[in-house]
Amino acid sequence: MLFASLFSTARAFAASPARAFSSSVALQFPKLKTHSGTKKRWRSLPSGVFKRAHAGHHHLNVGKRPGRKNHLGQTAYSHGAQTPKLKKLMPYG
């Protein structure tokens, strides 16, 4: 009785290595996490550059010059060393 159950268990293990081998599961890398503060502030463009809005344009604008308020309303783009850092912080765009 014990020998028969042992034999059936061995037969079950003998059939499993062919099914258990799968290269797709073993070679998956962990997913990269997007930096939550970056994704709230920046948007990626198809050219690889990132854009954001200027701060200080929503309230307390009474004492600001009109030219300053116009400048704060325009879009700001990433430049120089910012772009590679943003690509690391936002790996999926």
PDB file of N, CA and C in Angstrom:
ATOM      1  N   MET A   1       0.827  -1.191   0.000  1.00  0.00           N
ATOM      2  CA  MET A   1       0.000   0.000   0.000  1.00  0.00           C
ATOM      3  C   MET A   1       0.875   1.261   0.000  1.00  0.00           C
ATOM      4  N   LEU A   2       1.823   1.332   0.905  1.00  0.00           N
ATOM      5  CA  LEU A   2       2.724   2.469   0.967  1.00  0.00           C
ATOM      6  C   LEU A   2       3.566   2.560  -0.297  1.00  0.00           C
ATOM      7  N   PHE A   3       3.994   1.413  -0.796  1.00  0.00           N
ATOM      8  CA  PHE A   3       4.815   1.384  -2.001  1.00  0.00           C
ATOM      9  C   PHE A   3       4.032   1.890  -3.223  1.00  0.00           C
ATOM     10  N   ALA A   4       2.750   1.552  -3.296  1.00  0.00           N
ATOM     11  CA  ALA A   4       1.925   1.982  -4.428  1.00  0.00           C
ATOM     12  C   ALA A   4       1.726   3.500  -4.416  1.00  0.00           C
ATOM     13  N   SER A   5       1.490   4.086  -3.253  1.00  0.00           N
ATOM     14  CA  SER A   5       1.302   5.537  -3.196  1.00  0.00           C
ATOM     15  C   SER A   5       2.612   6.264  -3.471  1.00  0.00           C
ATOM     16  N   LEU A   6       3.722   5.692  -3.042  1.00  0.00           N
ATOM     17  CA  LEU A   6       5.024   6.276  -3.313  1.00  0.00           C
ATOM     18  C   LEU A   6       5.333   6.240  -4.800  1.00  0.00           C
ATOM     19  N   PHE A   7       4.958   5.151  -5.452  1.00  0.00           N
ATOM     20  CA  PHE A   7       5.204   5.005  -6.877  1.00  0.00           C
ATOM     21  C   PHE A   7       4.361   6.003  -7.680  1.00  0.00           C
ATOM     22  N   SER A   8       3.107   6.206  -7.282  1.00  0.00           N
ATOM     23  CA  SER A   8       2.252   7.152  -8.006  1.00  0.00           C
ATOM     24  C   SER A   8       2.733   8.590  -7.795  1.00  0.00           C
ATOM     25  N   THR A   9       3.264   8.905  -6.623  1.00  0.00           N
ATOM     26  CA  THR A   9       3.808  10.234  -6.375  1.00  0.00           C
ATOM     27  C   THR A   9       5.045  10.471  -7.226  1.00  0.00           C
ATOM     28  N   ALA A  10       5.900   9.465  -7.341  1.00  0.00           N
ATOM     29  CA  ALA A  10       7.098   9.587  -8.164  1.00  0.00           C
ATOM     30  C   ALA A  10       6.728   9.765  -9.628  1.00  0.00           C
ATOM     31  N   ARG A  11       5.687   9.101 -10.079  1.00  0.00           N
ATOM     32  CA  ARG A  11       5.250   9.230 -11.468  1.00  0.00           C
ATOM     33  C   ARG A  11       4.712  10.647 -11.725  1.00  0.00           C
ATOM     34  N   ALA A  12       4.038  11.226 -10.751  1.00  0.00           N
ATOM     35  CA  ALA A  12       3.516  12.584 -10.906  1.00  0.00           C
ATOM     36  C   ALA A  12       4.650  13.596 -11.004  1.00  0.00           C
ATOM     37  N   PHE A  13       5.707  13.411 -10.211  1.00  0.00           N
ATOM     38  CA  PHE A  13       6.849  14.313 -10.288  1.00  0.00           C
ATOM     39  C   PHE A  13       7.635  14.124 -11.568  1.00  0.00           C
ATOM     40  N   ALA A  14       7.664  12.930 -12.104  1.00  0.00           N
ATOM     41  CA  ALA A  14       8.409  12.672 -13.326  1.00  0.00           C
ATOM     42  C   ALA A  14       7.764  13.378 -14.514  1.00  0.00           C
ATOM     43  N   ALA A  15       6.466  13.560 -14.517  1.00  0.00           N
ATOM     44  CA  ALA A  15       5.785  14.203 -15.634  1.00  0.00           C
ATOM     45  C   ALA A  15       5.824  15.726 -15.533  1.00  0.00           C
ATOM     46  N   SER A  16       6.059  16.271 -14.367  1.00  0.00           N
ATOM     47  CA  SER A  16       5.955  17.711 -14.197  1.00  0.00           C
ATOM     48  C   SER A  16       7.124  18.527 -14.742  1.00  0.00           C
ATOM     49  N   PRO A  17       8.386  18.051 -14.814  1.00  0.00           N
ATOM     50  CA  PRO A  17       9.443  18.946 -15.288  1.00  0.00           C
ATOM     51  C   PRO A  17       9.228  19.476 -16.704  1.00  0.00           C
ATOM     52  N   ALA A  18       8.626  18.711 -17.582  1.00  0.00           N
ATOM     53  CA  ALA A  18       8.388  19.205 -18.933  1.00  0.00           C
ATOM     54  C   ALA A  18       7.368  20.345 -18.921  1.00  0.00           C
ATOM     55  N   ARG A  19       6.386  20.274 -18.055  1.00  0.00           N
ATOM     56  CA  ARG A  19       5.383  21.333 -17.994  1.00  0.00           C
ATOM     57  C   ARG A  19       5.870  22.511 -17.152  1.00  0.00           C
ATOM     58  N   ALA A  20       6.676  22.251 -16.148  1.00  0.00           N
ATOM     59  CA  ALA A  20       7.097  23.309 -15.236  1.00  0.00           C
ATOM     60  C   ALA A  20       8.127  24.227 -15.881  1.00  0.00           C
ATOM     61  N   PHE A  21       8.835  23.768 -16.901  1.00  0.00           N
ATOM     62  CA  PHE A  21       9.862  24.597 -17.526  1.00  0.00           C
ATOM     63  C   PHE A  21       9.203  25.635 -18.418  1.00  0.00           C
ATOM     64  N   SER A  22       9.367  26.881 -18.080  1.00  0.00           N
ATOM     65  CA  SER A  22       8.812  27.960 -18.881  1.00  0.00           C
ATOM     66  C   SER A  22       9.761  29.139 -18.779  1.00  0.00           C
ATOM     67  N   SER A  23      10.326  29.546 -19.892  1.00  0.00           N
ATOM     68  CA  SER A  23      11.294  30.636 -19.868  1.00  0.00           C
ATOM     69  C   SER A  23      10.624  31.988 -19.646  1.00  0.00           C
ATOM     70  N   SER A  24       9.356  32.115 -19.972  1.00  0.00           N
ATOM     71  CA  SER A  24       8.712  33.418 -19.845  1.00  0.00           C
ATOM     72  C   SER A  24       8.534  33.831 -18.385  1.00  0.00           C
ATOM     73  N   VAL A  25       8.269  32.894 -17.509  1.00  0.00           N
ATOM     74  CA  VAL A  25       8.065  33.232 -16.102  1.00  0.00           C
ATOM     75  C   VAL A  25       9.395  33.477 -15.415  1.00  0.00           C
ATOM     76  N   ALA A  26      10.411  32.692 -15.741  1.00  0.00           N
ATOM     77  CA  ALA A  26      11.683  32.780 -15.039  1.00  0.00           C
ATOM     78  C   ALA A  26      12.466  34.033 -15.412  1.00  0.00           C
ATOM     79  N   LEU A  27      12.275  34.570 -16.611  1.00  0.00           N
ATOM     80  CA  LEU A  27      13.090  35.692 -17.056  1.00  0.00           C
ATOM     81  C   LEU A  27      12.407  37.045 -16.904  1.00  0.00           C
ATOM     82  N   GLN A  28      11.260  37.111 -16.251  1.00  0.00           N
ATOM     83  CA  GLN A  28      10.605  38.396 -16.056  1.00  0.00           C
ATOM     84  C   GLN A  28      11.325  39.184 -14.976  1.00  0.00           C
ATOM     85  N   PHE A  29      11.582  40.452 -15.277  1.00  0.00           N
ATOM     86  CA  PHE A  29      12.201  41.321 -14.302  1.00  0.00           C
ATOM     87  C   PHE A  29      11.107  41.994 -13.474  1.00  0.00           C
ATOM     88  N   PRO A  30      11.439  42.471 -12.295  1.00  0.00           N
ATOM     89  CA  PRO A  30      10.404  43.163 -11.518  1.00  0.00           C
ATOM     90  C   PRO A  30      10.000  44.466 -12.202  1.00  0.00           C
ATOM     91  N   LYS A  31       8.764  44.841 -11.995  1.00  0.00           N
ATOM     92  CA  LYS A  31       8.270  46.079 -12.589  1.00  0.00           C
ATOM     93  C   LYS A  31       8.908  47.271 -11.888  1.00  0.00           C
ATOM     94  N   LEU A  32       9.168  48.318 -12.655  1.00  0.00           N
ATOM     95  CA  LEU A  32       9.729  49.536 -12.098  1.00  0.00           C
ATOM     96  C   LEU A  32       8.597  50.423 -11.588  1.00  0.00           C
ATOM     97  N   LYS A  33       8.837  51.070 -10.472  1.00  0.00           N
ATOM     98  CA  LYS A  33       7.804  51.926  -9.892  1.00  0.00           C
ATOM     99  C   LYS A  33       7.986  53.363 -10.379  1.00  0.00           C
ATOM    100  N   THR A  34       6.878  53.990 -10.702  1.00  0.00           N
ATOM    101  CA  THR A  34       6.872  55.389 -11.093  1.00  0.00           C
ATOM    102  C   THR A  34       6.835  56.250  -9.835  1.00  0.00           C
ATOM    103  N   HIS A  35       7.666  57.281  -9.816  1.00  0.00           N
ATOM    104  CA  HIS A  35       7.712  58.193  -8.677  1.00  0.00           C
ATOM    105  C   HIS A  35       6.414  58.992  -8.639  1.00  0.00           C
ATOM    106  N   SER A  36       5.684  58.892  -7.535  1.00  0.00           N
ATOM    107  CA  SER A  36       4.331  59.458  -7.480  1.00  0.00           C
ATOM    108  C   SER A  36       4.344  60.985  -7.519  1.00  0.00           C
ATOM    109  N   GLY A  37       5.344  61.615  -6.922  1.00  0.00           N
ATOM    110  CA  GLY A  37       5.417  63.073  -6.976  1.00  0.00           C
ATOM    111  C   GLY A  37       5.723  63.579  -8.374  1.00  0.00           C
ATOM    112  N   THR A  38       6.512  62.809  -9.120  1.00  0.00           N
ATOM    113  CA  THR A  38       6.852  63.201 -10.484  1.00  0.00           C
ATOM    114  C   THR A  38       5.657  63.055 -11.409  1.00  0.00           C
ATOM    115  N   LYS A  39       4.902  61.972 -11.249  1.00  0.00           N
ATOM    116  CA  LYS A  39       3.767  61.771 -12.163  1.00  0.00           C
ATOM    117  C   LYS A  39       2.645  62.773 -11.910  1.00  0.00           C
ATOM    118  N   LYS A  40       2.604  63.368 -10.711  1.00  0.00           N
ATOM    119  CA  LYS A  40       1.604  64.396 -10.439  1.00  0.00           C
ATOM    120  C   LYS A  40       1.988  65.741 -11.061  1.00  0.00           C
ATOM    121  N   ARG A  41       3.276  65.970 -11.291  1.00  0.00           N
ATOM    122  CA  ARG A  41       3.745  67.283 -11.717  1.00  0.00           C
ATOM    123  C   ARG A  41       4.173  67.355 -13.172  1.00  0.00           C
ATOM    124  N   TRP A  42       4.634  66.245 -13.747  1.00  0.00           N
ATOM    125  CA  TRP A  42       5.198  66.244 -15.095  1.00  0.00           C
ATOM    126  C   TRP A  42       4.377  65.381 -16.036  1.00  0.00           C
ATOM    127  N   ARG A  43       4.371  65.745 -17.333  1.00  0.00           N
ATOM    128  CA  ARG A  43       3.767  64.946 -18.401  1.00  0.00           C
ATOM    129  C   ARG A  43       4.828  64.755 -19.473  1.00  0.00           C
ATOM    130  N   SER A  44       4.898  63.553 -20.023  1.00  0.00           N
ATOM    131  CA  SER A  44       5.891  63.299 -21.063  1.00  0.00           C
ATOM    132  C   SER A  44       5.309  63.635 -22.433  1.00  0.00           C
ATOM    133  N   LEU A  45       6.170  64.101 -23.318  1.00  0.00           N
ATOM    134  CA  LEU A  45       5.799  64.421 -24.690  1.00  0.00           C
ATOM    135  C   LEU A  45       6.384  63.360 -25.616  1.00  0.00           C
ATOM    136  N   PRO A  46       5.848  63.201 -26.825  1.00  0.00           N
ATOM    137  CA  PRO A  46       6.384  62.180 -27.746  1.00  0.00           C
ATOM    138  C   PRO A  46       7.856  62.384 -28.099  1.00  0.00           C
ATOM    139  N   SER A  47       8.353  63.611 -28.004  1.00  0.00           N
ATOM    140  CA  SER A  47       9.756  63.875 -28.334  1.00  0.00           C
ATOM    141  C   SER A  47      10.710  63.443 -27.226  1.00  0.00           C
ATOM    142  N   GLY A  48      10.183  63.035 -26.066  1.00  0.00           N
ATOM    143  CA  GLY A  48      11.032  62.629 -24.951  1.00  0.00           C
ATOM    144  C   GLY A  48      11.243  63.721 -23.924  1.00  0.00           C
ATOM    145  N   VAL A  49      10.762  64.913 -24.203  1.00  0.00           N
ATOM    146  CA  VAL A  49      10.859  66.032 -23.274  1.00  0.00           C
ATOM    147  C   VAL A  49       9.642  65.986 -22.357  1.00  0.00           C
ATOM    148  N   PHE A  50       9.786  66.554 -21.176  1.00  0.00           N
ATOM    149  CA  PHE A  50       8.689  66.590 -20.208  1.00  0.00           C
ATOM    150  C   PHE A  50       8.214  68.028 -20.041  1.00  0.00           C
ATOM    151  N   LYS A  51       6.933  68.193 -19.713  1.00  0.00           N
ATOM    152  CA  LYS A  51       6.392  69.526 -19.485  1.00  0.00           C
ATOM    153  C   LYS A  51       5.692  69.574 -18.140  1.00  0.00           C
ATOM    154  N   ARG A  52       5.600  70.784 -17.588  1.00  0.00           N
ATOM    155  CA  ARG A  52       4.937  70.992 -16.307  1.00  0.00           C
ATOM    156  C   ARG A  52       4.395  72.408 -16.276  1.00  0.00           C
ATOM    157  N   ALA A  53       3.559  72.669 -15.279  1.00  0.00           N
ATOM    158  CA  ALA A  53       3.034  74.020 -15.081  1.00  0.00           C
ATOM    159  C   ALA A  53       3.901  74.746 -14.059  1.00  0.00           C
ATOM    160  N   HIS A  54       3.927  76.059 -14.168  1.00  0.00           N
ATOM    161  CA  HIS A  54       4.649  76.863 -13.191  1.00  0.00           C
ATOM    162  C   HIS A  54       3.873  76.924 -11.879  1.00  0.00           C
ATOM    163  N   ALA A  55       4.591  77.013 -10.784  1.00  0.00           N
ATOM    164  CA  ALA A  55       3.960  77.185  -9.475  1.00  0.00           C
ATOM    165  C   ALA A  55       3.723  78.671  -9.219  1.00  0.00           C
ATOM    166  N   GLY A  56       2.809  78.968  -8.305  1.00  0.00           N
ATOM    167  CA  GLY A  56       2.566  80.341  -7.898  1.00  0.00           C
ATOM    168  C   GLY A  56       1.628  81.103  -8.804  1.00  0.00           C
ATOM    169  N   HIS A  57       0.749  80.405  -9.508  1.00  0.00           N
ATOM    170  CA  HIS A  57      -0.151  81.085 -10.435  1.00  0.00           C
ATOM    171  C   HIS A  57      -1.615  80.968 -10.016  1.00  0.00           C
ATOM    172  N   HIS A  58      -1.916  80.236  -8.954  1.00  0.00           N
ATOM    173  CA  HIS A  58      -3.302  79.932  -8.621  1.00  0.00           C
ATOM    174  C   HIS A  58      -3.936  80.925  -7.648  1.00  0.00           C
ATOM    175  N   HIS A  59      -3.190  81.429  -6.698  1.00  0.00           N
ATOM    176  CA  HIS A  59      -3.783  82.365  -5.733  1.00  0.00           C
ATOM    177  C   HIS A  59      -2.698  83.308  -5.239  1.00  0.00           C
ATOM    178  N   LEU A  60      -3.119  84.331  -4.488  1.00  0.00           N
ATOM    179  CA  LEU A  60      -2.225  85.392  -3.994  1.00  0.00           C
ATOM    180  C   LEU A  60      -1.542  86.116  -5.153  1.00  0.00           C
ATOM    181  N   ASN A  61      -2.325  86.441  -6.187  1.00  0.00           N
ATOM    182  CA  ASN A  61      -1.770  87.066  -7.380  1.00  0.00           C
ATOM    183  C   ASN A  61      -1.925  88.588  -7.403  1.00  0.00           C
ATOM    184  N   VAL A  62      -2.495  89.170  -6.348  1.00  0.00           N
ATOM    185  CA  VAL A  62      -2.792  90.606  -6.367  1.00  0.00           C
ATOM    186  C   VAL A  62      -1.510  91.424  -6.427  1.00  0.00           C
ATOM    187  N   GLY A  63      -0.490  91.033  -5.725  1.00  0.00           N
ATOM    188  CA  GLY A  63       0.740  91.814  -5.681  1.00  0.00           C
ATOM    189  C   GLY A  63       1.713  91.516  -6.804  1.00  0.00           C
ATOM    190  N   LYS A  64       1.368  90.625  -7.703  1.00  0.00           N
ATOM    191  CA  LYS A  64       2.295  90.245  -8.779  1.00  0.00           C
ATOM    192  C   LYS A  64       2.068  91.116 -10.011  1.00  0.00           C
ATOM    193  N   ARG A  65       3.153  91.395 -10.717  1.00  0.00           N
ATOM    194  CA  ARG A  65       3.074  92.172 -11.944  1.00  0.00           C
ATOM    195  C   ARG A  65       2.333  91.374 -13.022  1.00  0.00           C
ATOM    196  N   PRO A  66       1.650  92.025 -13.936  1.00  0.00           N
ATOM    197  CA  PRO A  66       0.944  91.296 -15.002  1.00  0.00           C
ATOM    198  C   PRO A  66       1.874  90.450 -15.872  1.00  0.00           C
ATOM    199  N   GLY A  67       3.060  90.965 -16.130  1.00  0.00           N
ATOM    200  CA  GLY A  67       4.016  90.188 -16.930  1.00  0.00           C
ATOM    201  C   GLY A  67       4.467  88.927 -16.207  1.00  0.00           C
ATOM    202  N   ARG A  68       4.605  89.043 -14.901  1.00  0.00           N
ATOM    203  CA  ARG A  68       4.989  87.882 -14.094  1.00  0.00           C
ATOM    204  C   ARG A  68       3.886  86.826 -14.114  1.00  0.00           C
ATOM    205  N   LYS A  69       2.636  87.272 -13.996  1.00  0.00           N
ATOM    206  CA  LYS A  69       1.508  86.336 -14.015  1.00  0.00           C
ATOM    207  C   LYS A  69       1.387  85.656 -15.378  1.00  0.00           C
ATOM    208  N   ASN A  70       1.641  86.393 -16.450  1.00  0.00           N
ATOM    209  CA  ASN A  70       1.612  85.787 -17.785  1.00  0.00           C
ATOM    210  C   ASN A  70       2.704  84.733 -17.929  1.00  0.00           C
ATOM    211  N   HIS A  71       3.873  85.034 -17.403  1.00  0.00           N
ATOM    212  CA  HIS A  71       4.979  84.080 -17.496  1.00  0.00           C
ATOM    213  C   HIS A  71       4.684  82.811 -16.688  1.00  0.00           C
ATOM    214  N   LEU A  72       4.059  82.976 -15.527  1.00  0.00           N
ATOM    215  CA  LEU A  72       3.726  81.808 -14.702  1.00  0.00           C
ATOM    216  C   LEU A  72       2.625  80.957 -15.334  1.00  0.00           C
ATOM    217  N   GLY A  73       1.833  81.539 -16.218  1.00  0.00           N
ATOM    218  CA  GLY A  73       0.776  80.788 -16.878  1.00  0.00           C
ATOM    219  C   GLY A  73       1.259  79.940 -18.037  1.00  0.00           C
ATOM    220  N   GLN A  74       2.494  80.159 -18.485  1.00  0.00           N
ATOM    221  CA  GLN A  74       3.019  79.402 -19.623  1.00  0.00           C
ATOM    222  C   GLN A  74       3.554  78.049 -19.171  1.00  0.00           C
ATOM    223  N   THR A  75       3.737  77.153 -20.126  1.00  0.00           N
ATOM    224  CA  THR A  75       4.234  75.808 -19.845  1.00  0.00           C
ATOM    225  C   THR A  75       5.749  75.831 -19.695  1.00  0.00           C
ATOM    226  N   ALA A  76       6.256  75.085 -18.724  1.00  0.00           N
ATOM    227  CA  ALA A  76       7.697  74.927 -18.530  1.00  0.00           C
ATOM    228  C   ALA A  76       8.107  73.548 -19.030  1.00  0.00           C
ATOM    229  N   TYR A  77       9.260  73.466 -19.684  1.00  0.00           N
ATOM    230  CA  TYR A  77       9.751  72.215 -20.257  1.00  0.00           C
ATOM    231  C   TYR A  77      11.039  71.796 -19.562  1.00  0.00           C
ATOM    232  N   SER A  78      11.296  70.502 -19.553  1.00  0.00           N
ATOM    233  CA  SER A  78      12.536  69.998 -18.952  1.00  0.00           C
ATOM    234  C   SER A  78      13.709  70.338 -19.867  1.00  0.00           C
ATOM    235  N   HIS A  79      14.873  70.474 -19.275  1.00  0.00           N
ATOM    236  CA  HIS A  79      16.055  70.822 -20.047  1.00  0.00           C
ATOM    237  C   HIS A  79      17.284  70.204 -19.397  1.00  0.00           C
ATOM    238  N   GLY A  80      18.319  70.047 -20.192  1.00  0.00           N
ATOM    239  CA  GLY A  80      19.615  69.622 -19.687  1.00  0.00           C
ATOM    240  C   GLY A  80      19.594  68.306 -18.955  1.00  0.00           C
ATOM    241  N   ALA A  81      20.052  68.331 -17.721  1.00  0.00           N
ATOM    242  CA  ALA A  81      20.168  67.112 -16.922  1.00  0.00           C
ATOM    243  C   ALA A  81      18.840  66.667 -16.325  1.00  0.00           C
ATOM    244  N   GLN A  82      17.799  67.475 -16.462  1.00  0.00           N
ATOM    245  CA  GLN A  82      16.496  67.090 -15.910  1.00  0.00           C
ATOM    246  C   GLN A  82      15.891  65.910 -16.659  1.00  0.00           C
ATOM    247  N   THR A  83      16.021  65.879 -17.980  1.00  0.00           N
ATOM    248  CA  THR A  83      15.329  64.878 -18.794  1.00  0.00           C
ATOM    249  C   THR A  83      15.765  63.455 -18.469  1.00  0.00           C
ATOM    250  N   PRO A  84      17.072  63.119 -18.384  1.00  0.00           N
ATOM    251  CA  PRO A  84      17.434  61.740 -18.008  1.00  0.00           C
ATOM    252  C   PRO A  84      16.959  61.354 -16.610  1.00  0.00           C
ATOM    253  N   LYS A  85      16.966  62.303 -15.676  1.00  0.00           N
ATOM    254  CA  LYS A  85      16.478  62.011 -14.324  1.00  0.00           C
ATOM    255  C   LYS A  85      14.978  61.743 -14.333  1.00  0.00           C
ATOM    256  N   LEU A  86      14.239  62.521 -15.115  1.00  0.00           N
ATOM    257  CA  LEU A  86      12.796  62.315 -15.206  1.00  0.00           C
ATOM    258  C   LEU A  86      12.462  60.991 -15.883  1.00  0.00           C
ATOM    259  N   LYS A  87      13.285  60.566 -16.833  1.00  0.00           N
ATOM    260  CA  LYS A  87      13.052  59.272 -17.487  1.00  0.00           C
ATOM    261  C   LYS A  87      13.263  58.121 -16.513  1.00  0.00           C
ATOM    262  N   LYS A  88      14.166  58.288 -15.555  1.00  0.00           N
ATOM    263  CA  LYS A  88      14.351  57.262 -14.525  1.00  0.00           C
ATOM    264  C   LYS A  88      13.194  57.261 -13.534  1.00  0.00           C
ATOM    265  N   LEU A  89      12.696  58.442 -13.208  1.00  0.00           N
ATOM    266  CA  LEU A  89      11.598  58.541 -12.253  1.00  0.00           C
ATOM    267  C   LEU A  89      10.267  58.108 -12.865  1.00  0.00           C
ATOM    268  N   MET A  90      10.133  58.264 -14.187  1.00  0.00           N
ATOM    269  CA  MET A  90       8.909  57.869 -14.892  1.00  0.00           C
ATOM    270  C   MET A  90       9.278  56.901 -16.017  1.00  0.00           C
ATOM    271  N   PRO A  91       9.541  55.633 -15.690  1.00  0.00           N
ATOM    272  CA  PRO A  91      10.027  54.704 -16.714  1.00  0.00           C
ATOM    273  C   PRO A  91       9.002  54.361 -17.782  1.00  0.00           C
ATOM    274  N   TYR A  92       7.724  54.550 -17.525  1.00  0.00           N
ATOM    275  CA  TYR A  92       6.692  54.184 -18.494  1.00  0.00           C
ATOM    276  C   TYR A  92       6.030  55.406 -19.115  1.00  0.00           C
ATOM    277  N   GLY A  93       6.672  56.559 -19.013  1.00  0.00           N
ATOM    278  CA  GLY A  93       6.142  57.743 -19.680  1.00  0.00           C
ATOM    279  C   GLY A  93       5.307  58.635 -18.867  1.00  0.00           C
TER     280      GLY A  93
END
